[in-house]
N, C-alpha and C. Protein backbone atom coordinates (compact mmCIF):
# COMPACT_ATOMS: atom_id res chain seq x y z
N MET A 1 0.84 -1.19 0.00
CA MET A 1 0.00 0.00 0.00
C MET A 1 0.88 1.24 0.00
N ALA A 2 0.52 2.21 -0.82
CA ALA A 2 1.33 3.42 -0.98
C ALA A 2 1.27 4.29 0.27
N VAL A 3 2.42 4.92 0.57
CA VAL A 3 2.47 5.90 1.65
C VAL A 3 2.16 7.26 1.04
N ALA A 4 1.15 7.93 1.56
CA ALA A 4 0.70 9.19 0.98
C ALA A 4 1.70 10.30 1.21
N SER A 5 1.87 11.15 0.20
CA SER A 5 2.71 12.34 0.32
C SER A 5 1.88 13.48 0.91
N PRO A 6 2.54 14.49 1.46
CA PRO A 6 1.80 15.62 2.03
C PRO A 6 0.93 16.32 0.99
N THR A 7 -0.20 16.82 1.43
CA THR A 7 -1.10 17.55 0.55
C THR A 7 -1.39 18.93 1.12
N SER A 8 -1.77 19.83 0.25
CA SER A 8 -2.20 21.16 0.67
C SER A 8 -3.70 21.11 0.88
N ILE A 9 -4.15 21.21 2.13
CA ILE A 9 -5.56 21.01 2.46
C ILE A 9 -6.38 22.26 2.13
N VAL A 10 -7.51 22.04 1.45
CA VAL A 10 -8.39 23.15 1.11
C VAL A 10 -9.77 23.00 1.76
N SER A 11 -10.10 21.81 2.21
CA SER A 11 -11.41 21.60 2.84
C SER A 11 -11.35 20.34 3.70
N ASN A 12 -12.12 20.34 4.79
CA ASN A 12 -12.16 19.12 5.60
C ASN A 12 -13.48 19.05 6.37
N TRP A 13 -13.73 17.86 6.89
CA TRP A 13 -14.94 17.61 7.68
C TRP A 13 -14.62 16.48 8.64
N ALA A 14 -15.21 16.54 9.85
CA ALA A 14 -14.97 15.49 10.84
C ALA A 14 -16.12 15.44 11.82
N THR A 15 -16.34 14.24 12.37
CA THR A 15 -17.33 14.07 13.42
C THR A 15 -16.92 12.90 14.30
N LEU A 16 -17.21 13.01 15.59
CA LEU A 16 -17.00 11.91 16.54
C LEU A 16 -18.37 11.47 17.01
N ILE A 17 -18.74 10.24 16.67
CA ILE A 17 -20.07 9.71 16.99
C ILE A 17 -19.99 8.95 18.31
N ASP A 18 -20.68 9.44 19.31
CA ASP A 18 -20.63 8.84 20.64
C ASP A 18 -21.45 7.56 20.69
N ASN A 19 -20.99 6.61 21.50
CA ASN A 19 -21.68 5.32 21.68
C ASN A 19 -21.97 4.64 20.35
N PHE A 20 -20.95 4.60 19.51
CA PHE A 20 -21.12 4.06 18.16
C PHE A 20 -20.00 3.08 17.87
N GLU A 21 -20.36 1.94 17.34
CA GLU A 21 -19.37 0.92 16.99
C GLU A 21 -19.47 0.58 15.51
N ALA A 22 -18.31 0.48 14.87
CA ALA A 22 -18.27 0.11 13.46
C ALA A 22 -16.87 -0.38 13.12
N SER A 23 -16.78 -1.14 12.05
CA SER A 23 -15.49 -1.60 11.55
C SER A 23 -15.00 -0.62 10.50
N PRO A 24 -13.79 -0.08 10.66
CA PRO A 24 -13.25 0.82 9.63
C PRO A 24 -13.23 0.19 8.25
N LEU A 25 -12.91 -1.10 8.18
CA LEU A 25 -12.85 -1.79 6.89
C LEU A 25 -14.23 -1.81 6.25
N ASN A 26 -15.25 -2.18 7.03
CA ASN A 26 -16.61 -2.21 6.49
C ASN A 26 -17.11 -0.82 6.13
N PHE A 27 -16.70 0.17 6.93
CA PHE A 27 -17.09 1.55 6.64
C PHE A 27 -16.51 1.97 5.29
N PHE A 28 -15.24 1.69 5.07
CA PHE A 28 -14.61 2.04 3.80
C PHE A 28 -15.31 1.37 2.62
N LYS A 29 -15.65 0.08 2.80
CA LYS A 29 -16.33 -0.63 1.72
C LYS A 29 -17.68 -0.01 1.41
N SER A 30 -18.40 0.42 2.44
CA SER A 30 -19.70 1.05 2.24
C SER A 30 -19.56 2.39 1.52
N VAL A 31 -18.53 3.15 1.89
CA VAL A 31 -18.30 4.43 1.23
C VAL A 31 -17.93 4.20 -0.24
N GLU A 32 -17.09 3.22 -0.50
CA GLU A 32 -16.72 2.89 -1.88
C GLU A 32 -17.97 2.61 -2.71
N THR A 33 -18.87 1.80 -2.16
CA THR A 33 -20.11 1.47 -2.87
C THR A 33 -20.94 2.72 -3.12
N ALA A 34 -21.06 3.58 -2.10
CA ALA A 34 -21.85 4.81 -2.24
C ALA A 34 -21.24 5.75 -3.29
N VAL A 35 -19.90 5.82 -3.34
CA VAL A 35 -19.23 6.65 -4.33
C VAL A 35 -19.46 6.10 -5.74
N GLU A 36 -19.30 4.79 -5.89
CA GLU A 36 -19.47 4.17 -7.20
C GLU A 36 -20.90 4.33 -7.71
N GLU A 37 -21.89 4.27 -6.82
CA GLU A 37 -23.28 4.43 -7.23
C GLU A 37 -23.56 5.83 -7.77
N ARG A 38 -22.78 6.80 -7.37
CA ARG A 38 -22.98 8.17 -7.84
C ARG A 38 -22.37 8.41 -9.22
N GLN A 39 -21.60 7.44 -9.71
CA GLN A 39 -21.01 7.51 -11.05
C GLN A 39 -20.26 8.82 -11.28
N ILE A 40 -19.44 9.18 -10.31
CA ILE A 40 -18.63 10.39 -10.43
C ILE A 40 -17.58 10.16 -11.52
N PRO A 41 -17.51 11.02 -12.53
CA PRO A 41 -16.59 10.77 -13.64
C PRO A 41 -15.13 10.96 -13.27
N GLU A 42 -14.28 10.16 -13.93
CA GLU A 42 -12.82 10.32 -13.87
C GLU A 42 -12.24 10.23 -12.46
N ILE A 43 -12.68 9.25 -11.69
CA ILE A 43 -12.14 9.09 -10.34
C ILE A 43 -11.43 7.74 -10.22
N THR A 44 -10.55 7.66 -9.25
CA THR A 44 -9.94 6.39 -8.87
C THR A 44 -10.08 6.24 -7.36
N ILE A 45 -10.29 5.00 -6.92
CA ILE A 45 -10.46 4.71 -5.50
C ILE A 45 -9.34 3.78 -5.05
N SER A 46 -8.69 4.12 -3.96
CA SER A 46 -7.57 3.31 -3.48
C SER A 46 -7.44 3.47 -1.97
N ARG A 47 -6.49 2.74 -1.39
CA ARG A 47 -6.16 2.88 0.03
C ARG A 47 -4.74 3.41 0.13
N VAL A 48 -4.53 4.36 1.02
CA VAL A 48 -3.20 4.92 1.23
C VAL A 48 -2.91 4.96 2.73
N ASP A 49 -1.64 5.00 3.07
CA ASP A 49 -1.20 5.09 4.46
C ASP A 49 -0.64 6.48 4.72
N TYR A 50 -0.98 7.03 5.87
CA TYR A 50 -0.38 8.27 6.35
C TYR A 50 0.40 7.96 7.62
N HIS A 51 1.60 8.51 7.75
CA HIS A 51 2.35 8.38 9.00
C HIS A 51 1.64 9.17 10.09
N GLU A 52 1.57 8.60 11.29
CA GLU A 52 0.95 9.30 12.42
C GLU A 52 1.83 10.45 12.90
N GLY A 53 3.12 10.35 12.64
CA GLY A 53 4.06 11.41 13.01
C GLY A 53 5.15 11.50 11.97
N GLY A 54 6.41 11.24 12.42
CA GLY A 54 7.54 11.26 11.50
C GLY A 54 7.58 10.01 10.64
N ILE A 55 8.65 9.90 9.84
CA ILE A 55 8.73 8.79 8.89
C ILE A 55 8.92 7.44 9.56
N THR A 56 9.31 7.42 10.85
CA THR A 56 9.49 6.16 11.56
C THR A 56 8.27 5.80 12.41
N SER A 57 7.24 6.66 12.39
CA SER A 57 6.05 6.41 13.21
C SER A 57 5.12 5.40 12.55
N ALA A 58 4.13 4.97 13.31
CA ALA A 58 3.14 4.04 12.79
C ALA A 58 2.31 4.70 11.69
N LYS A 59 1.63 3.85 10.91
CA LYS A 59 0.85 4.35 9.79
C LYS A 59 -0.64 4.10 10.04
N ARG A 60 -1.45 4.96 9.47
CA ARG A 60 -2.90 4.82 9.55
C ARG A 60 -3.48 4.79 8.14
N GLU A 61 -4.39 3.84 7.93
CA GLU A 61 -4.96 3.66 6.59
C GLU A 61 -6.10 4.65 6.33
N TYR A 62 -6.10 5.22 5.14
CA TYR A 62 -7.16 6.11 4.68
C TYR A 62 -7.73 5.59 3.36
N LEU A 63 -8.98 5.91 3.12
CA LEU A 63 -9.60 5.62 1.83
C LEU A 63 -9.45 6.86 0.97
N ARG A 64 -8.90 6.71 -0.23
CA ARG A 64 -8.67 7.86 -1.11
C ARG A 64 -9.56 7.78 -2.34
N VAL A 65 -10.27 8.87 -2.59
CA VAL A 65 -11.02 9.05 -3.84
C VAL A 65 -10.33 10.20 -4.56
N ALA A 66 -9.74 9.93 -5.71
CA ALA A 66 -8.96 10.93 -6.42
C ALA A 66 -9.60 11.27 -7.76
N ARG A 67 -9.54 12.55 -8.09
CA ARG A 67 -9.98 13.01 -9.41
C ARG A 67 -8.97 14.04 -9.89
N GLY A 68 -8.14 13.64 -10.87
CA GLY A 68 -7.06 14.52 -11.30
C GLY A 68 -6.12 14.76 -10.15
N SER A 69 -5.87 16.03 -9.84
CA SER A 69 -4.97 16.36 -8.72
C SER A 69 -5.73 16.52 -7.41
N LEU A 70 -7.05 16.37 -7.42
CA LEU A 70 -7.84 16.48 -6.19
C LEU A 70 -7.81 15.16 -5.44
N LEU A 71 -7.41 15.21 -4.18
CA LEU A 71 -7.29 14.01 -3.36
C LEU A 71 -8.25 14.12 -2.18
N PHE A 72 -9.19 13.21 -2.10
CA PHE A 72 -10.21 13.18 -1.05
C PHE A 72 -9.89 11.99 -0.16
N ASP A 73 -9.24 12.23 0.99
CA ASP A 73 -8.79 11.17 1.88
C ASP A 73 -9.72 11.05 3.08
N ILE A 74 -10.21 9.82 3.30
CA ILE A 74 -11.23 9.57 4.32
C ILE A 74 -10.64 8.70 5.43
N CYS A 75 -10.88 9.12 6.67
CA CYS A 75 -10.42 8.38 7.85
C CYS A 75 -11.62 7.82 8.60
N ALA A 76 -11.48 6.63 9.14
CA ALA A 76 -12.52 6.03 9.99
C ALA A 76 -11.81 5.18 11.04
N ALA A 77 -12.12 5.45 12.33
CA ALA A 77 -11.40 4.72 13.38
C ALA A 77 -12.17 4.79 14.69
N PRO A 78 -12.15 3.70 15.47
CA PRO A 78 -12.73 3.74 16.82
C PRO A 78 -11.96 4.73 17.68
N TYR A 79 -12.66 5.44 18.57
CA TYR A 79 -11.99 6.36 19.47
C TYR A 79 -12.77 6.36 20.79
N GLY A 80 -12.16 5.80 21.82
CA GLY A 80 -12.85 5.68 23.10
C GLY A 80 -14.10 4.82 22.94
N ARG A 81 -15.24 5.37 23.39
CA ARG A 81 -16.50 4.64 23.25
C ARG A 81 -17.23 5.03 21.97
N GLY A 82 -16.58 5.82 21.13
CA GLY A 82 -17.23 6.30 19.92
C GLY A 82 -16.48 5.89 18.67
N PHE A 83 -16.84 6.56 17.57
CA PHE A 83 -16.26 6.25 16.27
C PHE A 83 -16.01 7.57 15.55
N PHE A 84 -14.78 7.75 15.08
CA PHE A 84 -14.39 9.00 14.45
C PHE A 84 -14.35 8.85 12.94
N VAL A 85 -14.95 9.83 12.25
CA VAL A 85 -14.93 9.86 10.79
C VAL A 85 -14.50 11.25 10.34
N SER A 86 -13.61 11.30 9.36
CA SER A 86 -13.19 12.59 8.83
C SER A 86 -12.79 12.43 7.37
N TRP A 87 -12.75 13.54 6.67
CA TRP A 87 -12.14 13.55 5.35
C TRP A 87 -11.38 14.84 5.14
N TRP A 88 -10.38 14.76 4.28
CA TRP A 88 -9.52 15.90 3.96
C TRP A 88 -9.41 16.00 2.45
N LEU A 89 -9.79 17.14 1.91
CA LEU A 89 -9.68 17.36 0.47
C LEU A 89 -8.49 18.28 0.21
N GLY A 90 -7.58 17.84 -0.64
CA GLY A 90 -6.41 18.65 -0.91
C GLY A 90 -5.81 18.37 -2.26
N ILE A 91 -4.71 19.02 -2.53
CA ILE A 91 -3.95 18.81 -3.76
C ILE A 91 -2.52 18.48 -3.36
N PRO A 92 -1.80 17.72 -4.20
CA PRO A 92 -0.43 17.32 -3.83
C PRO A 92 0.48 18.53 -3.62
N MET A 93 1.34 18.43 -2.63
CA MET A 93 2.36 19.45 -2.41
C MET A 93 3.63 19.03 -3.16
N ILE A 94 4.08 19.89 -4.05
CA ILE A 94 5.28 19.59 -4.83
C ILE A 94 6.50 20.04 -4.04
N HIS A 95 7.39 19.10 -3.77
CA HIS A 95 8.58 19.40 -2.97
C HIS A 95 9.49 20.35 -3.74
N PRO A 96 10.08 21.34 -3.07
CA PRO A 96 10.98 22.29 -3.75
C PRO A 96 12.11 21.61 -4.51
N LEU A 97 12.64 20.50 -3.97
CA LEU A 97 13.72 19.79 -4.67
C LEU A 97 13.22 19.21 -5.99
N THR A 98 11.96 18.82 -6.02
CA THR A 98 11.38 18.32 -7.28
C THR A 98 11.33 19.42 -8.32
N VAL A 99 10.93 20.62 -7.90
CA VAL A 99 10.89 21.77 -8.81
C VAL A 99 12.28 22.09 -9.33
N ILE A 100 13.27 22.08 -8.42
CA ILE A 100 14.65 22.35 -8.82
C ILE A 100 15.11 21.30 -9.84
N GLY A 101 14.75 20.04 -9.59
CA GLY A 101 15.14 18.97 -10.51
C GLY A 101 14.52 19.15 -11.88
N ILE A 102 13.24 19.57 -11.93
CA ILE A 102 12.56 19.78 -13.21
C ILE A 102 13.24 20.91 -13.98
N VAL A 103 13.51 22.04 -13.29
CA VAL A 103 14.14 23.19 -13.95
C VAL A 103 15.54 22.83 -14.42
N PHE A 104 16.31 22.14 -13.57
CA PHE A 104 17.67 21.75 -13.94
C PHE A 104 17.65 20.81 -15.14
N GLY A 105 16.74 19.83 -15.11
CA GLY A 105 16.64 18.89 -16.22
C GLY A 105 16.26 19.57 -17.52
N TYR A 106 15.39 20.58 -17.42
CA TYR A 106 14.97 21.32 -18.61
C TYR A 106 16.15 22.06 -19.24
N PHE A 107 16.94 22.74 -18.41
CA PHE A 107 18.08 23.48 -18.95
C PHE A 107 19.16 22.55 -19.49
N VAL A 108 19.38 21.42 -18.84
CA VAL A 108 20.37 20.46 -19.35
C VAL A 108 19.92 19.93 -20.70
N LEU A 109 18.63 19.58 -20.82
CA LEU A 109 18.11 19.07 -22.09
C LEU A 109 18.21 20.14 -23.18
N THR A 110 17.92 21.40 -22.81
CA THR A 110 18.02 22.49 -23.78
C THR A 110 19.45 22.65 -24.27
N ILE A 111 20.42 22.58 -23.36
CA ILE A 111 21.83 22.72 -23.74
C ILE A 111 22.25 21.59 -24.67
N VAL A 112 21.81 20.38 -24.38
CA VAL A 112 22.15 19.23 -25.23
C VAL A 112 21.56 19.42 -26.62
N ILE A 113 20.30 19.86 -26.69
CA ILE A 113 19.66 20.06 -27.99
C ILE A 113 20.39 21.15 -28.78
N MET A 114 20.75 22.25 -28.10
CA MET A 114 21.47 23.33 -28.78
C MET A 114 22.82 22.84 -29.30
N ALA A 115 23.48 21.97 -28.54
CA ALA A 115 24.78 21.45 -28.97
C ALA A 115 24.64 20.58 -30.20
N VAL A 116 23.49 19.97 -30.37
CA VAL A 116 23.28 19.05 -31.50
C VAL A 116 22.78 19.79 -32.74
N VAL A 117 21.81 20.68 -32.58
CA VAL A 117 21.16 21.31 -33.73
C VAL A 117 21.49 22.79 -33.90
N GLY A 118 22.22 23.37 -32.96
CA GLY A 118 22.57 24.78 -33.05
C GLY A 118 21.74 25.64 -32.12
N LEU A 119 22.20 26.88 -31.93
CA LEU A 119 21.55 27.77 -30.97
C LEU A 119 20.13 28.13 -31.37
N PHE A 120 19.94 28.50 -32.64
CA PHE A 120 18.62 28.96 -33.07
C PHE A 120 17.58 27.84 -32.99
N LEU A 121 17.88 26.70 -33.60
CA LEU A 121 16.94 25.57 -33.56
C LEU A 121 16.78 25.06 -32.13
N GLY A 122 17.86 25.13 -31.38
CA GLY A 122 17.78 24.69 -29.99
C GLY A 122 16.88 25.59 -29.17
N PHE A 123 16.94 26.90 -29.45
CA PHE A 123 16.06 27.85 -28.76
C PHE A 123 14.60 27.57 -29.10
N LEU A 124 14.34 27.33 -30.39
CA LEU A 124 12.97 27.00 -30.80
C LEU A 124 12.50 25.70 -30.15
N ALA A 125 13.41 24.73 -30.04
CA ALA A 125 13.05 23.46 -29.41
C ALA A 125 12.75 23.65 -27.93
N ALA A 126 13.51 24.56 -27.27
CA ALA A 126 13.27 24.83 -25.85
C ALA A 126 11.87 25.41 -25.65
N ILE A 127 11.49 26.34 -26.54
CA ILE A 127 10.14 26.90 -26.47
C ILE A 127 9.11 25.82 -26.75
N GLY A 128 9.42 24.96 -27.71
CA GLY A 128 8.51 23.88 -28.05
C GLY A 128 8.27 22.93 -26.88
N LEU A 129 9.33 22.68 -26.08
CA LEU A 129 9.18 21.80 -24.92
C LEU A 129 8.19 22.39 -23.92
N VAL A 130 8.26 23.71 -23.73
CA VAL A 130 7.33 24.37 -22.81
C VAL A 130 5.90 24.28 -23.33
N VAL A 131 5.74 24.51 -24.65
CA VAL A 131 4.41 24.44 -25.26
C VAL A 131 3.82 23.03 -25.11
N VAL A 132 4.65 22.02 -25.34
CA VAL A 132 4.19 20.63 -25.21
C VAL A 132 3.79 20.34 -23.77
N ALA A 133 4.59 20.84 -22.82
CA ALA A 133 4.25 20.64 -21.40
C ALA A 133 2.91 21.29 -21.07
N PHE A 134 2.68 22.50 -21.61
CA PHE A 134 1.41 23.18 -21.39
C PHE A 134 0.26 22.37 -21.99
N TRP A 135 0.50 21.81 -23.17
CA TRP A 135 -0.55 21.05 -23.86
C TRP A 135 -0.87 19.76 -23.12
N LEU A 136 0.17 19.10 -22.55
CA LEU A 136 -0.05 17.84 -21.84
C LEU A 136 -0.67 18.05 -20.47
N GLY A 137 -0.55 19.23 -19.92
CA GLY A 137 -1.08 19.49 -18.58
C GLY A 137 -2.58 19.67 -18.60
N GLY A 138 -3.31 18.58 -18.48
CA GLY A 138 -4.77 18.66 -18.49
C GLY A 138 -5.31 19.35 -17.26
N GLU A 139 -6.51 19.87 -17.34
CA GLU A 139 -7.13 20.61 -16.25
C GLU A 139 -7.22 19.76 -14.98
N GLY A 140 -6.60 20.25 -13.91
CA GLY A 140 -6.70 19.57 -12.63
C GLY A 140 -5.85 18.33 -12.49
N THR A 141 -4.96 18.05 -13.45
CA THR A 141 -4.15 16.85 -13.38
C THR A 141 -2.90 17.09 -12.53
N LEU A 142 -2.19 16.01 -12.22
CA LEU A 142 -0.96 16.14 -11.45
C LEU A 142 0.09 16.91 -12.25
N GLN A 143 0.09 16.73 -13.61
CA GLN A 143 1.01 17.50 -14.43
C GLN A 143 0.80 18.99 -14.24
N ASP A 144 -0.47 19.37 -14.08
CA ASP A 144 -0.81 20.77 -13.80
C ASP A 144 -0.03 21.30 -12.61
N GLN A 145 -0.02 20.51 -11.53
CA GLN A 145 0.60 20.96 -10.29
C GLN A 145 2.11 21.14 -10.44
N TYR A 146 2.75 20.26 -11.22
CA TYR A 146 4.18 20.39 -11.45
C TYR A 146 4.49 21.66 -12.23
N ILE A 147 3.71 21.94 -13.27
CA ILE A 147 3.93 23.14 -14.07
C ILE A 147 3.68 24.38 -13.24
N LEU A 148 2.61 24.38 -12.46
CA LEU A 148 2.26 25.54 -11.65
C LEU A 148 3.30 25.82 -10.57
N ALA A 149 4.03 24.79 -10.15
CA ALA A 149 5.02 24.96 -9.08
C ALA A 149 6.31 25.62 -9.57
N ILE A 150 6.50 25.71 -10.90
CA ILE A 150 7.73 26.30 -11.43
C ILE A 150 7.61 27.82 -11.45
N PRO A 151 8.51 28.52 -10.77
CA PRO A 151 8.43 29.99 -10.72
C PRO A 151 8.42 30.59 -12.13
N GLY A 152 7.62 31.58 -12.34
CA GLY A 152 7.56 32.25 -13.63
C GLY A 152 6.71 31.50 -14.62
N ILE A 153 7.15 30.31 -14.99
CA ILE A 153 6.40 29.50 -15.95
C ILE A 153 5.03 29.14 -15.39
N GLY A 154 4.99 28.86 -14.08
CA GLY A 154 3.71 28.53 -13.46
C GLY A 154 2.73 29.68 -13.54
N TYR A 155 3.21 30.90 -13.36
CA TYR A 155 2.34 32.07 -13.44
C TYR A 155 1.78 32.25 -14.85
N ILE A 156 2.67 32.12 -15.85
CA ILE A 156 2.22 32.25 -17.24
C ILE A 156 1.20 31.17 -17.59
N TYR A 157 1.48 29.96 -17.11
CA TYR A 157 0.58 28.83 -17.38
C TYR A 157 -0.80 29.09 -16.80
N ARG A 158 -0.86 29.53 -15.54
CA ARG A 158 -2.13 29.80 -14.88
C ARG A 158 -2.82 31.01 -15.50
N ARG A 159 -2.05 32.04 -15.80
CA ARG A 159 -2.64 33.28 -16.29
C ARG A 159 -3.25 33.15 -17.68
N PHE A 160 -2.56 32.43 -18.58
CA PHE A 160 -2.99 32.42 -19.98
C PHE A 160 -3.55 31.09 -20.45
N PHE A 161 -3.17 29.97 -19.82
CA PHE A 161 -3.58 28.67 -20.32
C PHE A 161 -4.60 27.98 -19.40
N LYS A 162 -4.51 28.20 -18.11
CA LYS A 162 -5.40 27.54 -17.17
C LYS A 162 -5.98 28.52 -16.17
N PRO A 163 -6.68 29.54 -16.65
CA PRO A 163 -7.25 30.53 -15.72
C PRO A 163 -8.39 29.92 -14.91
N ALA A 164 -8.64 30.50 -13.77
CA ALA A 164 -9.77 30.05 -12.95
C ALA A 164 -11.07 30.37 -13.69
N THR A 165 -11.91 29.38 -13.83
CA THR A 165 -13.19 29.58 -14.50
C THR A 165 -14.31 29.08 -13.61
N LEU A 166 -15.52 29.57 -13.85
CA LEU A 166 -16.66 29.10 -13.08
C LEU A 166 -16.88 27.61 -13.29
N PHE A 167 -16.65 27.13 -14.52
CA PHE A 167 -16.83 25.71 -14.81
C PHE A 167 -15.87 24.86 -13.98
N ALA A 168 -14.58 25.27 -13.92
CA ALA A 168 -13.60 24.51 -13.16
C ALA A 168 -13.96 24.48 -11.68
N MET A 169 -14.35 25.64 -11.14
CA MET A 169 -14.71 25.69 -9.72
C MET A 169 -15.98 24.89 -9.44
N ASP A 170 -16.94 24.93 -10.36
CA ASP A 170 -18.17 24.14 -10.19
C ASP A 170 -17.86 22.65 -10.22
N THR A 171 -16.96 22.24 -11.12
CA THR A 171 -16.60 20.83 -11.22
C THR A 171 -15.95 20.34 -9.94
N GLU A 172 -15.06 21.14 -9.36
CA GLU A 172 -14.42 20.78 -8.10
C GLU A 172 -15.44 20.71 -6.97
N THR A 173 -16.40 21.64 -6.97
CA THR A 173 -17.44 21.64 -5.94
C THR A 173 -18.32 20.40 -6.08
N MET A 174 -18.65 20.03 -7.31
CA MET A 174 -19.48 18.84 -7.54
C MET A 174 -18.78 17.59 -7.03
N PHE A 175 -17.46 17.49 -7.28
CA PHE A 175 -16.71 16.33 -6.81
C PHE A 175 -16.71 16.26 -5.30
N ARG A 176 -16.43 17.40 -4.65
CA ARG A 176 -16.41 17.42 -3.18
C ARG A 176 -17.78 17.10 -2.61
N THR A 177 -18.83 17.70 -3.17
CA THR A 177 -20.18 17.50 -2.65
C THR A 177 -20.65 16.07 -2.82
N ALA A 178 -20.37 15.49 -3.99
CA ALA A 178 -20.81 14.11 -4.26
C ALA A 178 -20.11 13.12 -3.33
N THR A 179 -18.81 13.31 -3.13
CA THR A 179 -18.07 12.38 -2.27
C THR A 179 -18.45 12.58 -0.81
N HIS A 180 -18.64 13.81 -0.41
CA HIS A 180 -19.09 14.09 0.96
C HIS A 180 -20.45 13.45 1.23
N SER A 181 -21.35 13.53 0.25
CA SER A 181 -22.68 12.93 0.44
C SER A 181 -22.59 11.42 0.55
N ALA A 182 -21.61 10.81 -0.13
CA ALA A 182 -21.41 9.36 -0.03
C ALA A 182 -20.96 8.99 1.38
N VAL A 183 -20.09 9.80 1.97
CA VAL A 183 -19.66 9.57 3.35
C VAL A 183 -20.83 9.72 4.31
N LEU A 184 -21.61 10.79 4.14
CA LEU A 184 -22.77 11.02 5.01
C LEU A 184 -23.80 9.91 4.88
N GLU A 185 -24.01 9.43 3.66
CA GLU A 185 -24.97 8.35 3.45
C GLU A 185 -24.56 7.11 4.25
N THR A 186 -23.27 6.82 4.25
CA THR A 186 -22.77 5.66 5.00
C THR A 186 -22.93 5.88 6.50
N VAL A 187 -22.58 7.08 6.97
CA VAL A 187 -22.74 7.39 8.39
C VAL A 187 -24.20 7.28 8.80
N ASP A 188 -25.11 7.84 8.00
CA ASP A 188 -26.54 7.80 8.32
C ASP A 188 -27.06 6.37 8.42
N ALA A 189 -26.63 5.54 7.47
CA ALA A 189 -27.11 4.15 7.46
C ALA A 189 -26.66 3.40 8.70
N LEU A 190 -25.42 3.58 9.09
CA LEU A 190 -24.91 2.87 10.25
C LEU A 190 -25.52 3.40 11.55
N MET A 191 -25.71 4.72 11.64
CA MET A 191 -26.31 5.29 12.84
C MET A 191 -27.77 4.88 12.97
N SER A 192 -28.48 4.85 11.85
CA SER A 192 -29.89 4.42 11.88
C SER A 192 -29.99 2.97 12.32
N ALA A 193 -29.07 2.13 11.86
CA ALA A 193 -29.09 0.71 12.22
C ALA A 193 -28.88 0.51 13.71
N GLN A 194 -28.16 1.45 14.36
CA GLN A 194 -27.92 1.35 15.80
C GLN A 194 -28.86 2.23 16.61
N GLY A 195 -29.86 2.82 15.95
CA GLY A 195 -30.87 3.62 16.64
C GLY A 195 -30.35 4.92 17.21
N LEU A 196 -29.35 5.51 16.59
CA LEU A 196 -28.77 6.76 17.07
C LEU A 196 -29.34 7.96 16.32
N ARG A 197 -29.28 9.12 16.96
CA ARG A 197 -29.73 10.36 16.33
C ARG A 197 -28.82 10.69 15.16
N LEU A 198 -29.44 11.07 14.03
CA LEU A 198 -28.64 11.42 12.87
C LEU A 198 -27.98 12.79 13.08
N LEU A 199 -26.95 13.03 12.34
CA LEU A 199 -26.22 14.29 12.45
C LEU A 199 -27.10 15.47 12.06
N SER A 200 -26.90 16.58 12.74
CA SER A 200 -27.64 17.80 12.42
C SER A 200 -27.05 18.45 11.17
N GLU A 201 -27.72 19.46 10.66
CA GLU A 201 -27.23 20.15 9.47
C GLU A 201 -25.87 20.79 9.72
N SER A 202 -25.69 21.38 10.89
CA SER A 202 -24.41 22.01 11.19
C SER A 202 -23.30 20.98 11.31
N GLU A 203 -23.63 19.79 11.80
CA GLU A 203 -22.63 18.73 11.94
C GLU A 203 -22.25 18.13 10.59
N ARG A 204 -23.10 18.32 9.60
CA ARG A 204 -22.85 17.77 8.27
C ARG A 204 -22.02 18.72 7.40
N ARG A 205 -21.90 19.97 7.81
CA ARG A 205 -21.32 20.99 6.96
C ARG A 205 -19.79 20.95 7.01
N PRO A 206 -19.14 20.83 5.86
CA PRO A 206 -17.65 20.82 5.83
C PRO A 206 -17.09 22.21 6.04
N THR A 207 -15.80 22.26 6.33
CA THR A 207 -15.09 23.52 6.51
C THR A 207 -14.28 23.79 5.24
N LEU A 208 -14.51 24.95 4.63
CA LEU A 208 -13.76 25.34 3.45
C LEU A 208 -12.64 26.26 3.87
N ARG A 209 -11.42 25.85 3.62
CA ARG A 209 -10.27 26.64 4.06
C ARG A 209 -9.85 27.68 3.06
N GLU A 210 -9.91 27.33 1.77
CA GLU A 210 -9.54 28.27 0.72
C GLU A 210 -10.04 27.72 -0.60
N SER A 211 -10.06 28.58 -1.60
CA SER A 211 -10.48 28.14 -2.93
C SER A 211 -9.38 27.34 -3.59
N LEU A 212 -9.77 26.31 -4.32
CA LEU A 212 -8.79 25.54 -5.07
C LEU A 212 -8.27 26.34 -6.25
N ARG A 213 -9.07 27.29 -6.72
CA ARG A 213 -8.68 28.12 -7.86
C ARG A 213 -8.37 29.52 -7.39
N LYS A 214 -7.24 30.03 -7.77
CA LYS A 214 -6.85 31.38 -7.36
C LYS A 214 -6.57 32.22 -8.59
């Protein structure tokens, strides 16, 4: 099972259900079924591990629903006499060393091309590499995040090729809302089966930390 990399959190939700018993494994399976029934386009479902602390600490399993660069990680675990459920919606954090490696690799490749075909054709090829990268960076994909992380180029890419649009923001909201409703549906079913009071409207409402589109 993959160990999850750090993400930049943009939204989250959590609840601790008192006097409630459930199996995290069964909870995850129920959420998977609820997500699949909603036929959310272009998603993948998997399990990932997060370290509880540093890299030598124990790991905790999360259910991940991913769409492009959007990562919806769901936690379910017994806690005392209750049961804790949470989710975190975020995007991958690109490590600065990765950005440095991409920029360094780009300049090395450009120098090699110039040495082979000459300065002028090499310059055109360097521009062509950037254009191809822009073309391959689909909306909301992981490639998007790598391009956006590069100083200067990331700004041009966002400003002229991938500007924030109402459609993009609506699509991200639909993904978050649909997956959140799948989690709530599972929680409601299990609480009803044990004769517990269902969550109130305020308890169902997620916390939005910032916009995914800037």
